[in-house]
């Protein structure tokens, strides 16, 4: 079987307002237990490998198997962290051992009168058979930001 070699690029911006102060929203990203909780590695996934090193140059790994489905692997490096202001990462994704994408993602935290505005901007490059997955990545990220909202509500 021949794989068509091609690239696709996808970018998106998602903004969410959370009724929680910046330090609580920040903690959901900066504290390993909280981050693992809202990423939801219990219900839809069978956890495999997890590493969390929240510092510039630090590396995160999250590998899990979808129940009855493929193995997903996320590896990120933190390239910029300004406490309570922003987080920037580069990350790669694999599906069943096949490299599917490389992305740059940023998270900006802004105090607003009702809590925190989180702005997520992502630029991705998708490889070969995954070239059409940009829309799916945005949809998946929307789901993660909704999970973050549920996590913050439980912490209130």
Protein backbone atom coordinates (compact mmCIF):
# COMPACT_ATOMS: atom_id res chain seq x y z
CA UNK A 1 0.00 0.00 0.00
CA UNK A 2 1.38 3.39 -1.00
CA UNK A 3 0.78 6.34 1.30
CA UNK A 4 0.17 9.64 -0.41
CA UNK A 5 2.75 12.07 0.97
CA UNK A 6 1.16 15.43 1.61
CA UNK A 7 0.82 18.14 4.23
CA UNK A 8 -2.13 20.21 5.38
CA UNK A 9 -2.09 23.26 7.62
CA UNK A 10 -4.82 24.25 10.03
CA UNK A 11 -5.18 27.15 12.45
CA UNK A 12 -7.90 28.08 14.89
CA UNK A 13 -8.60 30.35 17.84
CA UNK A 14 -10.95 29.42 20.69
CA UNK A 15 -11.93 31.83 23.48
CA UNK A 16 -13.73 30.78 26.65
CA UNK A 17 -14.78 32.79 29.69
CA UNK A 18 -14.71 30.86 32.96
CA UNK A 19 -16.33 32.12 36.20
CA UNK A 20 -13.12 31.49 38.16
CA UNK A 21 -10.13 33.69 39.01
CA UNK A 22 -6.99 33.43 36.88
CA UNK A 23 -5.03 31.57 39.57
CA UNK A 24 -7.62 28.74 39.60
CA UNK A 25 -7.69 28.43 35.81
CA UNK A 26 -3.91 28.61 35.73
CA UNK A 27 -3.68 25.86 38.35
CA UNK A 28 -5.70 23.54 36.10
CA UNK A 29 -2.80 23.72 33.63
CA UNK A 30 0.14 24.04 36.04
CA UNK A 31 -0.68 21.31 38.59
CA UNK A 32 -0.31 17.69 37.45
CA UNK A 33 -3.27 16.25 39.41
CA UNK A 34 -5.66 18.91 38.16
CA UNK A 35 -4.52 18.66 34.56
CA UNK A 36 -4.83 14.89 34.55
CA UNK A 37 -8.32 15.20 36.05
CA UNK A 38 -9.83 17.53 33.45
CA UNK A 39 -8.19 15.81 30.50
CA UNK A 40 -10.50 12.93 31.42
CA UNK A 41 -8.16 9.98 31.13
CA UNK A 42 -10.55 7.69 32.99
CA UNK A 43 -13.79 7.26 31.14
CA UNK A 44 -13.15 7.18 27.39
CA UNK A 45 -9.50 6.16 27.63
CA UNK A 46 -7.34 3.47 29.11
CA UNK A 47 -4.29 5.41 30.43
CA UNK A 48 -0.86 4.18 29.39
CA UNK A 49 2.03 6.66 29.79
CA UNK A 50 1.88 10.00 31.59
CA UNK A 51 4.67 12.53 32.25
CA UNK A 52 4.24 16.12 33.42
CA UNK A 53 7.11 18.64 33.70
CA UNK A 54 5.60 22.14 33.80
CA UNK A 55 8.57 24.42 33.14
CA UNK A 56 10.16 26.01 30.07
CA UNK A 57 11.88 23.11 28.32
CA UNK A 58 9.78 20.60 30.26
CA UNK A 59 8.00 17.76 28.50
CA UNK A 60 4.48 16.36 28.82
CA UNK A 61 3.47 12.91 27.58
CA UNK A 62 -0.05 11.51 27.56
CA UNK A 63 -0.61 8.16 25.89
CA UNK A 64 -3.92 6.35 26.15
CA UNK A 65 -5.98 3.77 24.30
CA UNK A 66 -9.52 4.63 23.33
CA UNK A 67 -11.75 1.83 24.64
CA UNK A 68 -12.11 -0.44 21.65
CA UNK A 69 -10.07 1.92 19.49
CA UNK A 70 -6.63 3.29 18.64
CA UNK A 71 -3.75 4.39 20.84
CA UNK A 72 -3.31 8.17 20.94
CA UNK A 73 0.02 9.70 22.00
CA UNK A 74 0.64 13.38 22.82
CA UNK A 75 4.17 14.73 23.44
CA UNK A 76 4.65 18.43 24.21
CA UNK A 77 7.50 20.75 25.12
CA UNK A 78 6.83 24.01 26.97
CA UNK A 79 8.57 26.82 25.07
CA UNK A 80 7.29 29.80 27.07
CA UNK A 81 5.56 30.16 30.44
CA UNK A 82 4.67 33.47 32.09
CA UNK A 83 2.79 32.72 35.31
CA UNK A 84 -0.92 33.67 35.15
CA UNK A 85 -0.35 35.23 31.68
CA UNK A 86 0.52 32.63 29.02
CA UNK A 87 1.69 29.13 28.16
CA UNK A 88 3.17 28.19 24.76
CA UNK A 89 3.92 24.63 23.67
CA UNK A 90 4.96 22.71 20.63
CA UNK A 91 3.44 19.26 20.47
CA UNK A 92 3.27 16.14 18.35
CA UNK A 93 0.45 13.60 18.05
CA UNK A 94 0.59 9.94 17.04
CA UNK A 95 -2.27 7.55 16.33
CA UNK A 96 -1.44 3.85 16.62
CA UNK A 97 2.25 4.74 16.32
CA UNK A 98 1.88 6.84 13.15
CA UNK A 99 2.99 10.48 13.44
CA UNK A 100 -0.08 12.51 12.53
CA UNK A 101 0.78 16.15 13.33
CA UNK A 102 3.01 18.82 14.82
CA UNK A 103 1.46 21.94 16.36
CA UNK A 104 2.27 25.17 18.15
CA UNK A 105 -0.34 26.06 20.75
CA UNK A 106 -0.70 29.07 23.03
CA UNK A 107 -2.96 29.72 26.01
CA UNK A 108 -3.49 33.29 27.22
CA UNK A 109 -5.09 34.01 30.59
CA UNK A 110 -6.86 37.34 31.10
CA UNK A 111 -8.67 38.52 34.24
CA UNK A 112 -12.13 39.83 33.33
CA UNK A 113 -14.89 41.12 35.67
CA UNK A 114 -16.68 37.74 35.63
CA UNK A 115 -13.57 35.56 36.02
CA UNK A 116 -10.98 34.50 33.44
CA UNK A 117 -10.89 34.71 29.66
CA UNK A 118 -8.80 31.91 28.18
CA UNK A 119 -7.70 32.27 24.56
CA UNK A 120 -6.25 29.24 22.83
CA UNK A 121 -4.56 29.67 19.44
CA UNK A 122 -3.20 26.69 17.54
CA UNK A 123 -1.32 26.21 14.28
CA UNK A 124 -0.94 22.62 13.09
CA UNK A 125 0.71 20.69 10.30
CA UNK A 126 -0.97 17.37 9.48
CA UNK A 127 0.91 14.59 7.70
CA UNK A 128 0.01 12.19 4.92
CA UNK A 129 -3.22 10.26 5.59
CA UNK A 130 -4.09 12.68 8.42
CA UNK A 131 -4.05 15.74 6.15
CA UNK A 132 -7.79 16.39 6.62
CA UNK A 133 -7.77 16.19 10.44
CA UNK A 134 -7.54 19.92 11.20
CA UNK A 135 -11.28 20.29 11.78
CA UNK A 136 -11.23 17.28 14.09
CA UNK A 137 -8.41 18.83 16.13
CA UNK A 138 -10.43 21.99 16.64
CA UNK A 139 -13.47 19.96 17.65
CA UNK A 140 -11.38 17.89 20.08
CA UNK A 141 -9.91 21.04 21.61
CA UNK A 142 -13.41 22.47 22.07
CA UNK A 143 -14.26 19.32 24.01
CA UNK A 144 -11.18 19.72 26.20
CA UNK A 145 -12.07 23.35 27.01
CA UNK A 146 -15.59 22.20 27.96
CA UNK A 147 -14.02 19.53 30.22
CA UNK A 148 -11.90 22.29 31.79
CA UNK A 149 -15.08 24.25 32.49
CA UNK A 150 -16.68 21.24 34.22
CA UNK A 151 -13.50 20.74 36.27
CA UNK A 152 -13.53 24.38 37.40
CA UNK A 153 -17.23 24.13 38.35
CA UNK A 154 -16.47 21.09 40.53
CA UNK A 155 -13.65 23.00 42.25
CA UNK A 156 -15.89 25.99 43.09
